[in-house]
Amino acid sequence: MDKIDGNFENILYLNVLEHIKDDVNEINLALKKIVSGGHLIILVPAHQELYSNFDKEAGHYRRYNTDFFKKLNLQDATIQKLYYLDIIGYFYIL
């Protein structure tokens, strides 16, 4: 793939990042491709403690907790919003 720097206003990862082994590198590569003021939007399966055979069979390397994103050493970026969707479903699974 050709190197593309700063050409996108927004990049969406909708249930993709969990399929990428080196997810931190992937996030930083995506950030390099976004213009100043753009957004990287990520939706991933939550709660690593819920990782199951279903995840493994689906090709997931992991699930995510908010701490993963809070601890990232982001290059020229800040997290604007970080939250769980469908938190009630979590309690039904446990």
C-alpha atoms as a PDB file:
ATOM      1  CA  MET A   1       0.000   0.000   0.000  1.00  0.00           C
ATOM      2  CA  ASP A   2       1.262   3.481  -0.809  1.00  0.00           C
ATOM      3  CA  LYS A   3       2.022   5.749   2.116  1.00  0.00           C
ATOM      4  CA  ILE A   4      -0.743   8.328   2.559  1.00  0.00           C
ATOM      5  CA  ASP A   5      -0.122  11.137   5.037  1.00  0.00           C
ATOM      6  CA  GLY A   6      -2.782  13.543   6.260  1.00  0.00           C
ATOM      7  CA  ASN A   7      -5.375  13.038   3.558  1.00  0.00           C
ATOM      8  CA  PHE A   8      -8.410  11.964   5.540  1.00  0.00           C
ATOM      9  CA  GLU A   9     -10.715  14.024   7.717  1.00  0.00           C
ATOM     10  CA  ASN A  10     -12.039  10.977   9.540  1.00  0.00           C
ATOM     11  CA  ILE A  11     -11.185   7.298   9.808  1.00  0.00           C
ATOM     12  CA  LEU A  12     -13.619   4.751  11.270  1.00  0.00           C
ATOM     13  CA  TYR A  13     -12.678   1.415  12.792  1.00  0.00           C
ATOM     14  CA  LEU A  14     -15.999  -0.317  13.392  1.00  0.00           C
ATOM     15  CA  ASN A  15     -15.326  -3.751  14.883  1.00  0.00           C
ATOM     16  CA  VAL A  16     -11.978  -3.976  13.096  1.00  0.00           C
ATOM     17  CA  LEU A  17      -9.226  -3.161  15.604  1.00  0.00           C
ATOM     18  CA  GLU A  18      -9.753  -6.358  17.603  1.00  0.00           C
ATOM     19  CA  HIS A  19      -8.721  -8.337  14.477  1.00  0.00           C
ATOM     20  CA  ILE A  20      -5.331  -6.595  14.223  1.00  0.00           C
ATOM     21  CA  LYS A  21      -2.480  -8.117  16.226  1.00  0.00           C
ATOM     22  CA  ASP A  22      -0.425  -4.905  16.573  1.00  0.00           C
ATOM     23  CA  ASP A  23      -3.342  -2.636  17.411  1.00  0.00           C
ATOM     24  CA  VAL A  24      -1.254   0.158  18.951  1.00  0.00           C
ATOM     25  CA  ASN A  25       0.834   0.509  15.802  1.00  0.00           C
ATOM     26  CA  GLU A  26      -2.349   0.458  13.717  1.00  0.00           C
ATOM     27  CA  ILE A  27      -3.857   3.302  15.736  1.00  0.00           C
ATOM     28  CA  ASN A  28      -0.724   5.416  15.304  1.00  0.00           C
ATOM     29  CA  LEU A  29      -0.599   4.685  11.556  1.00  0.00           C
ATOM     30  CA  ALA A  30      -4.216   5.783  11.225  1.00  0.00           C
ATOM     31  CA  LEU A  31      -3.530   8.981  13.159  1.00  0.00           C
ATOM     32  CA  LYS A  32      -0.766   9.887  10.684  1.00  0.00           C
ATOM     33  CA  LYS A  33      -3.286   9.697   7.837  1.00  0.00           C
ATOM     34  CA  ILE A  34      -5.724  12.171   9.386  1.00  0.00           C
ATOM     35  CA  VAL A  35      -5.606  15.900   8.713  1.00  0.00           C
ATOM     36  CA  SER A  36      -5.318  18.319  11.609  1.00  0.00           C
ATOM     37  CA  GLY A  37      -8.713  18.585  13.294  1.00  0.00           C
ATOM     38  CA  GLY A  38      -9.836  15.196  11.964  1.00  0.00           C
ATOM     39  CA  HIS A  39     -11.123  12.245  13.969  1.00  0.00           C
ATOM     40  CA  LEU A  40     -10.290   8.596  14.486  1.00  0.00           C
ATOM     41  CA  ILE A  41     -13.446   6.815  15.616  1.00  0.00           C
ATOM     42  CA  ILE A  42     -13.074   3.324  17.077  1.00  0.00           C
ATOM     43  CA  LEU A  43     -15.799   0.852  18.076  1.00  0.00           C
ATOM     44  CA  VAL A  44     -14.533  -2.417  19.570  1.00  0.00           C
ATOM     45  CA  PRO A  45     -15.885  -5.247  21.717  1.00  0.00           C
ATOM     46  CA  ALA A  46     -15.518  -4.330  25.370  1.00  0.00           C
ATOM     47  CA  HIS A  47     -14.354  -6.067  28.540  1.00  0.00           C
ATOM     48  CA  GLN A  48     -11.365  -8.352  28.082  1.00  0.00           C
ATOM     49  CA  GLU A  49     -12.668 -10.505  30.933  1.00  0.00           C
ATOM     50  CA  LEU A  50     -15.506 -11.562  28.601  1.00  0.00           C
ATOM     51  CA  TYR A  51     -13.089 -12.849  25.927  1.00  0.00           C
ATOM     52  CA  SER A  52     -14.361 -16.265  24.904  1.00  0.00           C
ATOM     53  CA  ASN A  53     -14.038 -19.010  22.321  1.00  0.00           C
ATOM     54  CA  PHE A  54     -16.515 -17.025  20.232  1.00  0.00           C
ATOM     55  CA  ASP A  55     -14.018 -14.158  20.080  1.00  0.00           C
ATOM     56  CA  LYS A  56     -11.185 -16.501  19.181  1.00  0.00           C
ATOM     57  CA  GLU A  57     -13.217 -18.170  16.422  1.00  0.00           C
ATOM     58  CA  ALA A  58     -14.181 -14.737  15.073  1.00  0.00           C
ATOM     59  CA  GLY A  59     -10.489 -13.868  14.749  1.00  0.00           C
ATOM     60  CA  HIS A  60     -10.338 -11.461  17.677  1.00  0.00           C
ATOM     61  CA  TYR A  61      -7.027 -11.007  19.432  1.00  0.00           C
ATOM     62  CA  ARG A  62      -8.635  -9.250  22.374  1.00  0.00           C
ATOM     63  CA  ARG A  63     -11.468  -7.177  23.789  1.00  0.00           C
ATOM     64  CA  TYR A  64     -10.884  -3.701  25.174  1.00  0.00           C
ATOM     65  CA  ASN A  65     -11.242  -1.861  28.439  1.00  0.00           C
ATOM     66  CA  THR A  66     -11.158   1.935  28.588  1.00  0.00           C
ATOM     67  CA  ASP A  67      -7.795   1.747  30.374  1.00  0.00           C
ATOM     68  CA  PHE A  68      -6.198   0.439  27.169  1.00  0.00           C
ATOM     69  CA  PHE A  69      -7.060   3.674  25.376  1.00  0.00           C
ATOM     70  CA  LYS A  70      -6.256   5.914  28.354  1.00  0.00           C
ATOM     71  CA  LYS A  71      -2.730   4.474  28.532  1.00  0.00           C
ATOM     72  CA  LEU A  72      -1.939   4.890  24.818  1.00  0.00           C
ATOM     73  CA  ASN A  73       0.964   7.134  23.946  1.00  0.00           C
ATOM     74  CA  LEU A  74      -0.846   8.923  21.124  1.00  0.00           C
ATOM     75  CA  GLN A  75       1.162  10.873  18.586  1.00  0.00           C
ATOM     76  CA  ASP A  76      -0.258  14.402  18.175  1.00  0.00           C
ATOM     77  CA  ALA A  77      -3.743  13.344  19.264  1.00  0.00           C
ATOM     78  CA  THR A  78      -6.030  13.431  22.286  1.00  0.00           C
ATOM     79  CA  ILE A  79      -9.021  11.347  23.281  1.00  0.00           C
ATOM     80  CA  GLN A  80     -12.194  13.433  23.115  1.00  0.00           C
ATOM     81  CA  LYS A  81     -14.749  10.820  24.159  1.00  0.00           C
ATOM     82  CA  LEU A  82     -14.336   7.358  25.629  1.00  0.00           C
ATOM     83  CA  TYR A  83     -17.240   5.292  26.901  1.00  0.00           C
ATOM     84  CA  TYR A  84     -18.936   1.900  26.891  1.00  0.00           C
ATOM     85  CA  LEU A  85     -22.051   1.217  24.830  1.00  0.00           C
ATOM     86  CA  ASP A  86     -24.721  -1.191  26.094  1.00  0.00           C
ATOM     87  CA  ILE A  87     -23.283  -1.432  29.595  1.00  0.00           C
ATOM     88  CA  ILE A  88     -26.447  -3.193  30.802  1.00  0.00           C
ATOM     89  CA  GLY A  89     -25.691  -6.153  28.513  1.00  0.00           C
ATOM     90  CA  TYR A  90     -22.449  -6.701  30.428  1.00  0.00           C
ATOM     91  CA  PHE A  91     -24.347  -7.723  33.554  1.00  0.00           C
ATOM     92  CA  TYR A  92     -26.460 -10.249  31.646  1.00  0.00           C
ATOM     93  CA  ILE A  93     -23.347 -12.009  30.357  1.00  0.00           C
ATOM     94  CA  LEU A  94     -21.752 -12.368  33.781  1.00  0.00           C
END
